[in-house]
């Protein structure tokens, strides 16, 4: 994974960038999608765990249900990781915009 400009900033600068990010993207479509992805990921994790536990204890280790549960857990992790990567790119974009504004002044 490439190292972004945002990752090289100090803690104080990261806090400033996060505040600017929240101002800029507070009620946008991307934040709505992030919330939806979080909900989907939580539901997938809970459903996956339920399937695995139910299949293991009540269906005499039914392989099909266990595989489906594991697949749901993997998809939930993909949702969470994807959201984190997109958020990192947006934070990097905001940090670079702030850097350009400082240079122009």
N, C-alpha and C. Protein backbone atom coordinates (compact mmCIF):
# COMPACT_ATOMS: atom_id res chain seq x y z
N UNK A 1 0.84 -1.17 0.00
CA UNK A 1 0.00 0.00 0.00
C UNK A 1 0.89 1.24 0.00
N UNK A 2 0.60 2.19 -0.87
CA UNK A 2 1.44 3.39 -0.93
C UNK A 2 1.27 4.25 0.32
N UNK A 3 2.30 4.97 0.65
CA UNK A 3 2.24 5.85 1.81
C UNK A 3 1.67 7.20 1.36
N UNK A 4 0.65 7.64 2.04
CA UNK A 4 0.00 8.89 1.70
C UNK A 4 0.58 10.05 2.49
N UNK A 5 0.41 11.26 1.96
CA UNK A 5 0.88 12.46 2.63
C UNK A 5 0.27 12.58 4.02
N UNK A 6 -1.01 12.22 4.13
CA UNK A 6 -1.71 12.31 5.41
C UNK A 6 -1.01 11.49 6.49
N UNK A 7 -0.45 10.35 6.12
CA UNK A 7 0.21 9.48 7.10
C UNK A 7 1.51 10.08 7.63
N UNK A 8 2.09 11.03 6.92
CA UNK A 8 3.35 11.62 7.35
C UNK A 8 3.15 12.83 8.27
N UNK A 9 1.91 13.25 8.45
CA UNK A 9 1.64 14.43 9.26
C UNK A 9 1.75 14.12 10.75
N UNK A 10 1.95 15.18 11.53
CA UNK A 10 1.98 15.02 12.99
C UNK A 10 0.56 14.89 13.52
N UNK A 11 0.43 14.59 14.80
CA UNK A 11 -0.90 14.39 15.40
C UNK A 11 -1.75 15.65 15.33
N UNK A 12 -1.15 16.80 15.58
CA UNK A 12 -1.89 18.06 15.54
C UNK A 12 -2.39 18.36 14.13
N UNK A 13 -1.53 18.13 13.16
CA UNK A 13 -1.93 18.38 11.77
C UNK A 13 -3.02 17.40 11.34
N UNK A 14 -2.93 16.15 11.80
CA UNK A 14 -3.98 15.18 11.48
C UNK A 14 -5.31 15.60 12.07
N UNK A 15 -5.30 16.14 13.28
CA UNK A 15 -6.54 16.60 13.90
C UNK A 15 -7.15 17.74 13.08
N UNK A 16 -6.31 18.66 12.60
CA UNK A 16 -6.80 19.76 11.78
C UNK A 16 -7.40 19.23 10.47
N UNK A 17 -6.73 18.27 9.88
CA UNK A 17 -7.22 17.70 8.63
C UNK A 17 -8.54 16.98 8.86
N UNK A 18 -8.67 16.26 9.97
CA UNK A 18 -9.93 15.56 10.27
C UNK A 18 -11.07 16.53 10.49
N UNK A 19 -10.79 17.66 11.17
CA UNK A 19 -11.82 18.67 11.36
C UNK A 19 -12.27 19.25 10.01
N UNK A 20 -11.31 19.53 9.15
CA UNK A 20 -11.63 20.05 7.82
C UNK A 20 -12.40 19.01 7.00
N UNK A 21 -12.01 17.77 7.14
CA UNK A 21 -12.70 16.67 6.46
C UNK A 21 -14.15 16.58 6.91
N UNK A 22 -14.37 16.70 8.21
CA UNK A 22 -15.74 16.63 8.73
C UNK A 22 -16.57 17.80 8.26
N UNK A 23 -15.97 19.00 8.18
CA UNK A 23 -16.70 20.15 7.66
C UNK A 23 -17.07 19.96 6.19
N UNK A 24 -16.11 19.49 5.43
CA UNK A 24 -16.28 19.38 3.99
C UNK A 24 -17.23 18.25 3.59
N UNK A 25 -17.16 17.13 4.29
CA UNK A 25 -17.92 15.94 3.89
C UNK A 25 -19.02 15.56 4.86
N UNK A 26 -19.47 16.48 5.73
CA UNK A 26 -20.41 16.14 6.79
C UNK A 26 -21.70 15.51 6.27
N UNK A 27 -22.42 16.15 5.41
CA UNK A 27 -23.71 15.64 4.94
C UNK A 27 -23.67 15.33 3.44
N UNK A 28 -22.63 14.70 2.99
CA UNK A 28 -22.52 14.36 1.58
C UNK A 28 -22.93 12.92 1.35
N UNK A 29 -23.02 12.56 0.09
CA UNK A 29 -23.43 11.21 -0.28
C UNK A 29 -22.40 10.17 0.17
N UNK A 30 -21.13 10.53 0.17
CA UNK A 30 -20.09 9.57 0.55
C UNK A 30 -20.22 9.18 2.03
N UNK A 31 -20.59 10.14 2.88
CA UNK A 31 -20.77 9.82 4.30
C UNK A 31 -21.99 8.92 4.49
N UNK A 32 -23.02 9.16 3.70
CA UNK A 32 -24.20 8.30 3.76
C UNK A 32 -23.83 6.87 3.34
N UNK A 33 -23.00 6.75 2.34
CA UNK A 33 -22.54 5.43 1.90
C UNK A 33 -21.67 4.76 2.96
N UNK A 34 -20.83 5.55 3.64
CA UNK A 34 -20.00 5.00 4.72
C UNK A 34 -20.89 4.43 5.83
N UNK A 35 -21.93 5.18 6.21
CA UNK A 35 -22.83 4.69 7.25
C UNK A 35 -23.52 3.40 6.80
N UNK A 36 -23.95 3.38 5.55
CA UNK A 36 -24.60 2.19 5.03
C UNK A 36 -23.65 0.99 5.01
N UNK A 37 -22.41 1.23 4.62
CA UNK A 37 -21.42 0.15 4.63
C UNK A 37 -21.17 -0.37 6.04
N UNK A 38 -21.13 0.53 7.00
CA UNK A 38 -20.96 0.10 8.39
C UNK A 38 -22.11 -0.79 8.83
N UNK A 39 -23.32 -0.39 8.48
CA UNK A 39 -24.50 -1.18 8.85
C UNK A 39 -24.44 -2.55 8.18
N UNK A 40 -24.11 -2.57 6.88
CA UNK A 40 -24.00 -3.85 6.17
C UNK A 40 -22.93 -4.73 6.79
N UNK A 41 -21.81 -4.14 7.16
CA UNK A 41 -20.72 -4.93 7.74
C UNK A 41 -21.13 -5.51 9.09
N UNK A 42 -21.79 -4.72 9.92
CA UNK A 42 -22.23 -5.22 11.23
C UNK A 42 -23.24 -6.34 11.06
N UNK A 43 -24.19 -6.15 10.15
CA UNK A 43 -25.19 -7.21 9.90
C UNK A 43 -24.52 -8.47 9.38
N UNK A 44 -23.56 -8.31 8.46
CA UNK A 44 -22.87 -9.48 7.90
C UNK A 44 -22.06 -10.21 8.96
N UNK A 45 -21.40 -9.47 9.85
CA UNK A 45 -20.64 -10.10 10.92
C UNK A 45 -21.56 -10.88 11.85
N UNK A 46 -22.64 -10.24 12.27
CA UNK A 46 -23.57 -10.92 13.18
C UNK A 46 -24.21 -12.15 12.52
N UNK A 47 -24.63 -12.00 11.27
CA UNK A 47 -25.26 -13.11 10.57
C UNK A 47 -24.24 -14.24 10.33
N UNK A 48 -23.02 -13.87 9.97
CA UNK A 48 -21.98 -14.87 9.75
C UNK A 48 -21.66 -15.65 11.01
N UNK A 49 -21.54 -14.93 12.13
CA UNK A 49 -21.28 -15.61 13.40
C UNK A 49 -22.45 -16.50 13.80
N UNK A 50 -23.68 -15.99 13.60
CA UNK A 50 -24.85 -16.80 13.89
C UNK A 50 -24.86 -18.08 13.06
N UNK A 51 -24.57 -17.96 11.76
CA UNK A 51 -24.56 -19.14 10.89
C UNK A 51 -23.51 -20.16 11.34
N UNK A 52 -22.34 -19.67 11.66
CA UNK A 52 -21.26 -20.59 12.07
C UNK A 52 -21.64 -21.30 13.38
N UNK A 53 -22.11 -20.54 14.35
CA UNK A 53 -22.47 -21.15 15.65
C UNK A 53 -23.64 -22.10 15.49
N UNK A 54 -24.66 -21.68 14.75
CA UNK A 54 -25.83 -22.53 14.56
C UNK A 54 -25.47 -23.81 13.81
N UNK A 55 -24.67 -23.67 12.76
CA UNK A 55 -24.29 -24.85 11.97
C UNK A 55 -23.41 -25.79 12.79
N UNK A 56 -22.55 -25.24 13.59
CA UNK A 56 -21.62 -26.08 14.35
C UNK A 56 -22.33 -26.83 15.47
N UNK A 57 -23.21 -26.15 16.20
CA UNK A 57 -23.81 -26.77 17.38
C UNK A 57 -25.16 -27.44 17.11
N UNK A 58 -25.95 -26.89 16.20
CA UNK A 58 -27.31 -27.41 16.04
C UNK A 58 -27.54 -28.20 14.77
N UNK A 59 -26.68 -28.07 13.77
CA UNK A 59 -26.84 -28.81 12.53
C UNK A 59 -25.74 -29.86 12.35
N UNK A 60 -25.13 -30.25 13.41
CA UNK A 60 -24.08 -31.27 13.38
C UNK A 60 -22.96 -30.94 12.40
N UNK A 61 -22.44 -29.74 12.54
CA UNK A 61 -21.29 -29.28 11.76
C UNK A 61 -21.57 -29.31 10.26
N UNK A 62 -22.68 -28.71 9.86
CA UNK A 62 -23.06 -28.62 8.46
C UNK A 62 -22.04 -27.73 7.72
N UNK A 63 -21.31 -28.32 6.79
CA UNK A 63 -20.21 -27.63 6.09
C UNK A 63 -20.72 -26.46 5.26
N UNK A 64 -21.86 -26.64 4.59
CA UNK A 64 -22.39 -25.57 3.74
C UNK A 64 -22.69 -24.30 4.51
N UNK A 65 -23.30 -24.44 5.67
CA UNK A 65 -23.62 -23.28 6.49
C UNK A 65 -22.37 -22.65 7.08
N UNK A 66 -21.42 -23.47 7.43
CA UNK A 66 -20.16 -22.93 7.97
C UNK A 66 -19.43 -22.13 6.89
N UNK A 67 -19.38 -22.66 5.68
CA UNK A 67 -18.72 -21.94 4.58
C UNK A 67 -19.45 -20.63 4.28
N UNK A 68 -20.78 -20.66 4.30
CA UNK A 68 -21.54 -19.43 4.08
C UNK A 68 -21.26 -18.41 5.17
N UNK A 69 -21.17 -18.85 6.42
CA UNK A 69 -20.86 -17.95 7.53
C UNK A 69 -19.48 -17.34 7.41
N UNK A 70 -18.51 -18.15 7.01
CA UNK A 70 -17.15 -17.65 6.82
C UNK A 70 -17.12 -16.65 5.67
N UNK A 71 -17.86 -16.93 4.61
CA UNK A 71 -17.94 -16.00 3.47
C UNK A 71 -18.53 -14.67 3.90
N UNK A 72 -19.56 -14.71 4.73
CA UNK A 72 -20.17 -13.47 5.23
C UNK A 72 -19.17 -12.67 6.06
N UNK A 73 -18.38 -13.35 6.89
CA UNK A 73 -17.37 -12.65 7.69
C UNK A 73 -16.31 -12.02 6.79
N UNK A 74 -15.89 -12.72 5.76
CA UNK A 74 -14.88 -12.19 4.83
C UNK A 74 -15.43 -10.96 4.10
N UNK A 75 -16.68 -11.03 3.65
CA UNK A 75 -17.29 -9.88 2.98
C UNK A 75 -17.40 -8.68 3.91
N UNK A 76 -17.72 -8.92 5.17
CA UNK A 76 -17.80 -7.83 6.13
C UNK A 76 -16.43 -7.18 6.31
N UNK A 77 -15.39 -7.98 6.38
CA UNK A 77 -14.03 -7.42 6.50
C UNK A 77 -13.65 -6.63 5.26
N UNK A 78 -14.05 -7.10 4.09
CA UNK A 78 -13.78 -6.36 2.85
C UNK A 78 -14.50 -5.02 2.88
N UNK A 79 -15.74 -4.98 3.36
CA UNK A 79 -16.47 -3.71 3.47
C UNK A 79 -15.74 -2.75 4.40
N UNK A 80 -15.30 -3.25 5.54
CA UNK A 80 -14.64 -2.39 6.53
C UNK A 80 -13.30 -1.87 6.00
N UNK A 81 -12.52 -2.75 5.39
CA UNK A 81 -11.22 -2.35 4.85
C UNK A 81 -11.39 -1.37 3.69
N UNK A 82 -12.36 -1.64 2.82
CA UNK A 82 -12.62 -0.74 1.70
C UNK A 82 -13.02 0.64 2.17
N UNK A 83 -13.87 0.70 3.17
CA UNK A 83 -14.29 1.99 3.73
C UNK A 83 -13.09 2.74 4.30
N UNK A 84 -12.24 2.03 5.01
CA UNK A 84 -11.06 2.66 5.61
C UNK A 84 -10.12 3.21 4.53
N UNK A 85 -9.95 2.47 3.44
CA UNK A 85 -9.07 2.93 2.37
C UNK A 85 -9.63 4.17 1.67
N UNK A 86 -10.93 4.17 1.43
CA UNK A 86 -11.54 5.34 0.79
C UNK A 86 -11.46 6.55 1.71
N UNK A 87 -11.69 6.34 3.00
CA UNK A 87 -11.59 7.45 3.95
C UNK A 87 -10.16 7.99 4.01
N UNK A 88 -9.18 7.10 3.96
CA UNK A 88 -7.78 7.54 3.95
C UNK A 88 -7.48 8.37 2.72
N UNK A 89 -7.99 7.97 1.57
CA UNK A 89 -7.78 8.74 0.34
C UNK A 89 -8.43 10.12 0.44
N UNK A 90 -9.62 10.18 1.02
CA UNK A 90 -10.28 11.48 1.19
C UNK A 90 -9.51 12.37 2.16
N UNK A 91 -9.04 11.79 3.26
CA UNK A 91 -8.23 12.56 4.20
C UNK A 91 -6.96 13.06 3.54
N UNK A 92 -6.35 12.24 2.72
CA UNK A 92 -5.15 12.65 2.00
C UNK A 92 -5.46 13.80 1.04
N UNK A 93 -6.60 13.73 0.38
CA UNK A 93 -7.00 14.78 -0.54
C UNK A 93 -7.19 16.10 0.20
N UNK A 94 -7.83 16.05 1.36
CA UNK A 94 -8.03 17.26 2.16
C UNK A 94 -6.69 17.80 2.64
N UNK A 95 -5.79 16.92 3.07
CA UNK A 95 -4.47 17.34 3.55
C UNK A 95 -3.68 18.01 2.43
N UNK A 96 -3.74 17.45 1.23
CA UNK A 96 -3.03 18.06 0.10
C UNK A 96 -3.63 19.41 -0.27
N UNK A 97 -4.94 19.54 -0.17
CA UNK A 97 -5.57 20.84 -0.44
C UNK A 97 -5.12 21.88 0.58
N UNK A 98 -5.04 21.48 1.84
CA UNK A 98 -4.56 22.40 2.87
C UNK A 98 -3.10 22.79 2.62
N UNK A 99 -2.29 21.83 2.18
CA UNK A 99 -0.89 22.10 1.89
C UNK A 99 -0.77 23.10 0.75
N UNK A 100 -1.58 22.93 -0.29
CA UNK A 100 -1.55 23.85 -1.44
C UNK A 100 -1.97 25.25 -1.02
N UNK A 101 -2.96 25.35 -0.14
CA UNK A 101 -3.41 26.66 0.33
C UNK A 101 -2.32 27.37 1.12
N UNK A 102 -1.56 26.62 1.92
CA UNK A 102 -0.45 27.20 2.68
C UNK A 102 0.65 27.69 1.75
N UNK A 103 0.93 26.94 0.70
CA UNK A 103 1.98 27.31 -0.24
C UNK A 103 1.59 28.56 -1.02
N UNK A 104 0.31 28.66 -1.37
CA UNK A 104 -0.15 29.81 -2.13
C UNK A 104 -0.11 31.10 -1.32
N UNK A 105 -0.25 30.99 0.00
CA UNK A 105 -0.24 32.20 0.84
C UNK A 105 1.12 32.73 1.04
